[in-house]
């Protein structure tokens, strides 16, 4: 593969470190890693533009206690990267003393901007909202587990 069209491993290292150490005040720096017109998609959001991407992460800090990512593996090929992660957090509104964990992955597509700098053009998170979130909620979890059993029987 032509390495001139491959995202540098050092940038991926920097981005992984940024995700793992992300704090609310770091959101302003997301333009260091994301393109101005970057797209972010997960099971709940589909937004475009750096300001909208920043708002997704700001909402995370506004809604949760101690949110943090632990990247457990990654695969980099060409201008793409897939990160496997655990997202750890505590709810602000319920079960405040219970650390929650969502297992998921992020597919990142990088592109060169007009200055020749690599930036995330597309960020898509993959995780099972039913298993990783809804089943853990007190008022919905029982119903979700019952439905899962019914479908699998």
C-alpha atoms as a PDB file:
ATOM      1  CA  UNK A   1       0.000   0.000   0.000  1.00  0.00           C
ATOM      2  CA  UNK A   2       1.174   3.528  -0.771  1.00  0.00           C
ATOM      3  CA  UNK A   3       2.060   5.039   2.630  1.00  0.00           C
ATOM      4  CA  UNK A   4       1.437   8.562   1.346  1.00  0.00           C
ATOM      5  CA  UNK A   5      -2.292   7.705   1.541  1.00  0.00           C
ATOM      6  CA  UNK A   6      -2.087   6.070   4.960  1.00  0.00           C
ATOM      7  CA  UNK A   7      -2.910   7.842   8.174  1.00  0.00           C
ATOM      8  CA  UNK A   8       0.286   8.054  10.269  1.00  0.00           C
ATOM      9  CA  UNK A   9       0.400   5.657  13.238  1.00  0.00           C
ATOM     10  CA  UNK A  10       1.596   8.571  15.380  1.00  0.00           C
ATOM     11  CA  UNK A  11      -1.686  10.397  14.725  1.00  0.00           C
ATOM     12  CA  UNK A  12      -3.668   7.301  15.678  1.00  0.00           C
ATOM     13  CA  UNK A  13      -1.567   7.024  18.871  1.00  0.00           C
ATOM     14  CA  UNK A  14      -2.300  10.676  19.639  1.00  0.00           C
ATOM     15  CA  UNK A  15      -6.026  10.247  18.988  1.00  0.00           C
ATOM     16  CA  UNK A  16      -6.263   7.104  21.165  1.00  0.00           C
ATOM     17  CA  UNK A  17      -4.496   8.935  23.987  1.00  0.00           C
ATOM     18  CA  UNK A  18      -6.841  11.905  23.535  1.00  0.00           C
ATOM     19  CA  UNK A  19      -9.907   9.635  23.765  1.00  0.00           C
ATOM     20  CA  UNK A  20      -8.581   7.826  26.820  1.00  0.00           C
ATOM     21  CA  UNK A  21      -7.723  11.063  28.635  1.00  0.00           C
ATOM     22  CA  UNK A  22     -10.633  13.166  27.349  1.00  0.00           C
ATOM     23  CA  UNK A  23     -11.983  15.771  29.775  1.00  0.00           C
ATOM     24  CA  UNK A  24     -14.719  18.329  29.202  1.00  0.00           C
ATOM     25  CA  UNK A  25     -12.183  21.144  28.674  1.00  0.00           C
ATOM     26  CA  UNK A  26     -10.543  19.128  25.838  1.00  0.00           C
ATOM     27  CA  UNK A  27     -13.648  19.335  23.647  1.00  0.00           C
ATOM     28  CA  UNK A  28     -12.507  22.718  22.358  1.00  0.00           C
ATOM     29  CA  UNK A  29      -9.420  20.975  20.887  1.00  0.00           C
ATOM     30  CA  UNK A  30     -11.362  18.437  18.820  1.00  0.00           C
ATOM     31  CA  UNK A  31     -10.550  20.397  15.674  1.00  0.00           C
ATOM     32  CA  UNK A  32      -6.989  19.099  16.141  1.00  0.00           C
ATOM     33  CA  UNK A  33      -8.281  15.633  15.208  1.00  0.00           C
ATOM     34  CA  UNK A  34     -11.578  16.148  13.364  1.00  0.00           C
ATOM     35  CA  UNK A  35     -12.268  17.804  10.005  1.00  0.00           C
ATOM     36  CA  UNK A  36     -14.461  20.898   9.993  1.00  0.00           C
ATOM     37  CA  UNK A  37     -17.217  18.945   8.221  1.00  0.00           C
ATOM     38  CA  UNK A  38     -16.677  15.640  10.060  1.00  0.00           C
ATOM     39  CA  UNK A  39     -19.627  13.291  10.469  1.00  0.00           C
ATOM     40  CA  UNK A  40     -20.339  11.435  13.719  1.00  0.00           C
ATOM     41  CA  UNK A  41     -22.885   8.639  13.984  1.00  0.00           C
ATOM     42  CA  UNK A  42     -23.827   6.320  16.835  1.00  0.00           C
ATOM     43  CA  UNK A  43     -27.049   4.520  17.837  1.00  0.00           C
ATOM     44  CA  UNK A  44     -28.554   7.844  19.004  1.00  0.00           C
ATOM     45  CA  UNK A  45     -26.963  10.637  16.973  1.00  0.00           C
ATOM     46  CA  UNK A  46     -26.075  11.395  13.387  1.00  0.00           C
ATOM     47  CA  UNK A  47     -24.450  14.824  13.132  1.00  0.00           C
ATOM     48  CA  UNK A  48     -22.153  16.682  10.790  1.00  0.00           C
ATOM     49  CA  UNK A  49     -19.703  19.500  11.445  1.00  0.00           C
ATOM     50  CA  UNK A  50     -17.117  19.949  14.169  1.00  0.00           C
ATOM     51  CA  UNK A  51     -19.476  22.016  16.352  1.00  0.00           C
ATOM     52  CA  UNK A  52     -22.058  19.225  16.265  1.00  0.00           C
ATOM     53  CA  UNK A  53     -19.420  16.566  17.030  1.00  0.00           C
ATOM     54  CA  UNK A  54     -18.272  18.669  19.968  1.00  0.00           C
ATOM     55  CA  UNK A  55     -21.872  18.938  21.191  1.00  0.00           C
ATOM     56  CA  UNK A  56     -22.164  15.126  21.280  1.00  0.00           C
ATOM     57  CA  UNK A  57     -19.123  14.892  23.533  1.00  0.00           C
ATOM     58  CA  UNK A  58     -20.260  17.873  25.633  1.00  0.00           C
ATOM     59  CA  UNK A  59     -23.609  16.148  26.185  1.00  0.00           C
ATOM     60  CA  UNK A  60     -21.707  13.062  27.371  1.00  0.00           C
ATOM     61  CA  UNK A  61     -19.937  15.122  30.056  1.00  0.00           C
ATOM     62  CA  UNK A  62     -23.121  16.978  30.976  1.00  0.00           C
ATOM     63  CA  UNK A  63     -25.147  13.757  31.373  1.00  0.00           C
ATOM     64  CA  UNK A  64     -22.677  11.355  32.993  1.00  0.00           C
ATOM     65  CA  UNK A  65     -20.191  11.214  35.863  1.00  0.00           C
ATOM     66  CA  UNK A  66     -16.608  10.284  35.074  1.00  0.00           C
ATOM     67  CA  UNK A  67     -17.069   9.179  31.452  1.00  0.00           C
ATOM     68  CA  UNK A  68     -13.936   7.645  29.999  1.00  0.00           C
ATOM     69  CA  UNK A  69     -12.836   5.375  27.193  1.00  0.00           C
ATOM     70  CA  UNK A  70     -10.367   2.516  27.400  1.00  0.00           C
ATOM     71  CA  UNK A  71      -9.170   1.461  23.951  1.00  0.00           C
ATOM     72  CA  UNK A  72      -8.460  -2.267  24.042  1.00  0.00           C
ATOM     73  CA  UNK A  73      -7.353  -2.793  20.438  1.00  0.00           C
ATOM     74  CA  UNK A  74      -7.083  -1.114  17.094  1.00  0.00           C
ATOM     75  CA  UNK A  75      -6.599  -1.859  13.451  1.00  0.00           C
ATOM     76  CA  UNK A  76      -5.175   0.721  11.063  1.00  0.00           C
ATOM     77  CA  UNK A  77      -5.246   0.245   7.309  1.00  0.00           C
ATOM     78  CA  UNK A  78      -4.743   2.996   4.779  1.00  0.00           C
ATOM     79  CA  UNK A  79      -6.837   5.988   5.741  1.00  0.00           C
ATOM     80  CA  UNK A  80      -9.073   4.000   8.101  1.00  0.00           C
ATOM     81  CA  UNK A  81      -8.896   2.857  11.681  1.00  0.00           C
ATOM     82  CA  UNK A  82     -11.112   0.684  13.840  1.00  0.00           C
ATOM     83  CA  UNK A  83     -10.874   1.096  17.612  1.00  0.00           C
ATOM     84  CA  UNK A  84     -12.330  -1.401  20.076  1.00  0.00           C
ATOM     85  CA  UNK A  85     -13.155   0.221  23.399  1.00  0.00           C
ATOM     86  CA  UNK A  86     -14.866   0.055  26.741  1.00  0.00           C
ATOM     87  CA  UNK A  87     -16.798   3.149  27.746  1.00  0.00           C
ATOM     88  CA  UNK A  88     -16.947   3.500  31.524  1.00  0.00           C
ATOM     89  CA  UNK A  89     -19.225   5.943  33.318  1.00  0.00           C
ATOM     90  CA  UNK A  90     -21.713   6.515  36.116  1.00  0.00           C
ATOM     91  CA  UNK A  91     -25.241   7.799  35.604  1.00  0.00           C
ATOM     92  CA  UNK A  92     -26.008  11.159  37.194  1.00  0.00           C
ATOM     93  CA  UNK A  93     -29.703  10.421  37.654  1.00  0.00           C
ATOM     94  CA  UNK A  94     -29.734   6.818  38.951  1.00  0.00           C
ATOM     95  CA  UNK A  95     -27.430   4.095  40.263  1.00  0.00           C
ATOM     96  CA  UNK A  96     -24.811   6.780  40.861  1.00  0.00           C
ATOM     97  CA  UNK A  97     -22.555   4.421  42.783  1.00  0.00           C
ATOM     98  CA  UNK A  98     -22.492   1.756  40.030  1.00  0.00           C
ATOM     99  CA  UNK A  99     -19.884   2.067  37.305  1.00  0.00           C
ATOM    100  CA  UNK A 100     -21.392   1.136  33.951  1.00  0.00           C
ATOM    101  CA  UNK A 101     -19.493  -0.307  30.993  1.00  0.00           C
ATOM    102  CA  UNK A 102     -20.438  -0.278  27.339  1.00  0.00           C
ATOM    103  CA  UNK A 103     -18.364  -2.388  24.951  1.00  0.00           C
ATOM    104  CA  UNK A 104     -18.118  -1.015  21.447  1.00  0.00           C
ATOM    105  CA  UNK A 105     -16.033   0.062  18.527  1.00  0.00           C
ATOM    106  CA  UNK A 106     -15.404   3.094  16.364  1.00  0.00           C
ATOM    107  CA  UNK A 107     -14.739   3.131  12.636  1.00  0.00           C
ATOM    108  CA  UNK A 108     -12.731   6.229  11.767  1.00  0.00           C
ATOM    109  CA  UNK A 109     -12.039   7.423   8.237  1.00  0.00           C
ATOM    110  CA  UNK A 110      -9.308  10.029   7.850  1.00  0.00           C
ATOM    111  CA  UNK A 111      -8.763  12.540   5.062  1.00  0.00           C
ATOM    112  CA  UNK A 112      -6.198  15.225   4.343  1.00  0.00           C
ATOM    113  CA  UNK A 113      -7.470  18.766   4.830  1.00  0.00           C
ATOM    114  CA  UNK A 114      -6.482  21.684   2.584  1.00  0.00           C
ATOM    115  CA  UNK A 115      -3.346  22.192   4.709  1.00  0.00           C
ATOM    116  CA  UNK A 116      -2.264  18.576   4.156  1.00  0.00           C
ATOM    117  CA  UNK A 117      -3.109  17.537   7.728  1.00  0.00           C
ATOM    118  CA  UNK A 118      -4.855  14.260   8.499  1.00  0.00           C
ATOM    119  CA  UNK A 119      -8.217  14.698  10.228  1.00  0.00           C
ATOM    120  CA  UNK A 120     -11.100  12.367  11.105  1.00  0.00           C
ATOM    121  CA  UNK A 121     -13.660  12.804   8.337  1.00  0.00           C
ATOM    122  CA  UNK A 122     -16.077  10.141   9.527  1.00  0.00           C
ATOM    123  CA  UNK A 123     -16.551   8.628  12.997  1.00  0.00           C
ATOM    124  CA  UNK A 124     -19.111   5.865  13.417  1.00  0.00           C
ATOM    125  CA  UNK A 125     -19.618   4.131  16.746  1.00  0.00           C
ATOM    126  CA  UNK A 126     -20.936   0.585  16.865  1.00  0.00           C
ATOM    127  CA  UNK A 127     -22.435  -0.775  20.064  1.00  0.00           C
ATOM    128  CA  UNK A 128     -25.559  -2.638  21.045  1.00  0.00           C
ATOM    129  CA  UNK A 129     -27.836  -0.111  22.750  1.00  0.00           C
ATOM    130  CA  UNK A 130     -30.257  -2.828  23.876  1.00  0.00           C
ATOM    131  CA  UNK A 131     -27.674  -5.037  25.586  1.00  0.00           C
ATOM    132  CA  UNK A 132     -25.189  -2.400  26.643  1.00  0.00           C
ATOM    133  CA  UNK A 133     -27.605   0.267  27.868  1.00  0.00           C
ATOM    134  CA  UNK A 134     -31.306  -0.553  27.967  1.00  0.00           C
ATOM    135  CA  UNK A 135     -30.866  -3.872  29.802  1.00  0.00           C
ATOM    136  CA  UNK A 136     -28.999  -1.991  32.550  1.00  0.00           C
ATOM    137  CA  UNK A 137     -31.770   0.527  33.164  1.00  0.00           C
ATOM    138  CA  UNK A 138     -33.958  -0.373  36.155  1.00  0.00           C
ATOM    139  CA  UNK A 139     -37.320   0.369  34.557  1.00  0.00           C
ATOM    140  CA  UNK A 140     -36.546  -0.968  31.066  1.00  0.00           C
ATOM    141  CA  UNK A 141     -34.001  -3.705  31.772  1.00  0.00           C
ATOM    142  CA  UNK A 142     -36.461  -6.374  32.890  1.00  0.00           C
ATOM    143  CA  UNK A 143     -38.598  -5.874  29.810  1.00  0.00           C
ATOM    144  CA  UNK A 144     -35.550  -5.972  27.503  1.00  0.00           C
ATOM    145  CA  UNK A 145     -34.262  -9.195  29.067  1.00  0.00           C
ATOM    146  CA  UNK A 146     -37.726 -10.780  28.793  1.00  0.00           C
ATOM    147  CA  UNK A 147     -37.990  -9.779  25.130  1.00  0.00           C
ATOM    148  CA  UNK A 148     -34.522 -11.149  24.442  1.00  0.00           C
ATOM    149  CA  UNK A 149     -35.478 -14.504  25.992  1.00  0.00           C
ATOM    150  CA  UNK A 150     -38.720 -14.618  23.966  1.00  0.00           C
ATOM    151  CA  UNK A 151     -36.952 -13.898  20.694  1.00  0.00           C
ATOM    152  CA  UNK A 152     -34.236 -16.474  21.404  1.00  0.00           C
ATOM    153  CA  UNK A 153     -36.586 -19.281  22.448  1.00  0.00           C
END
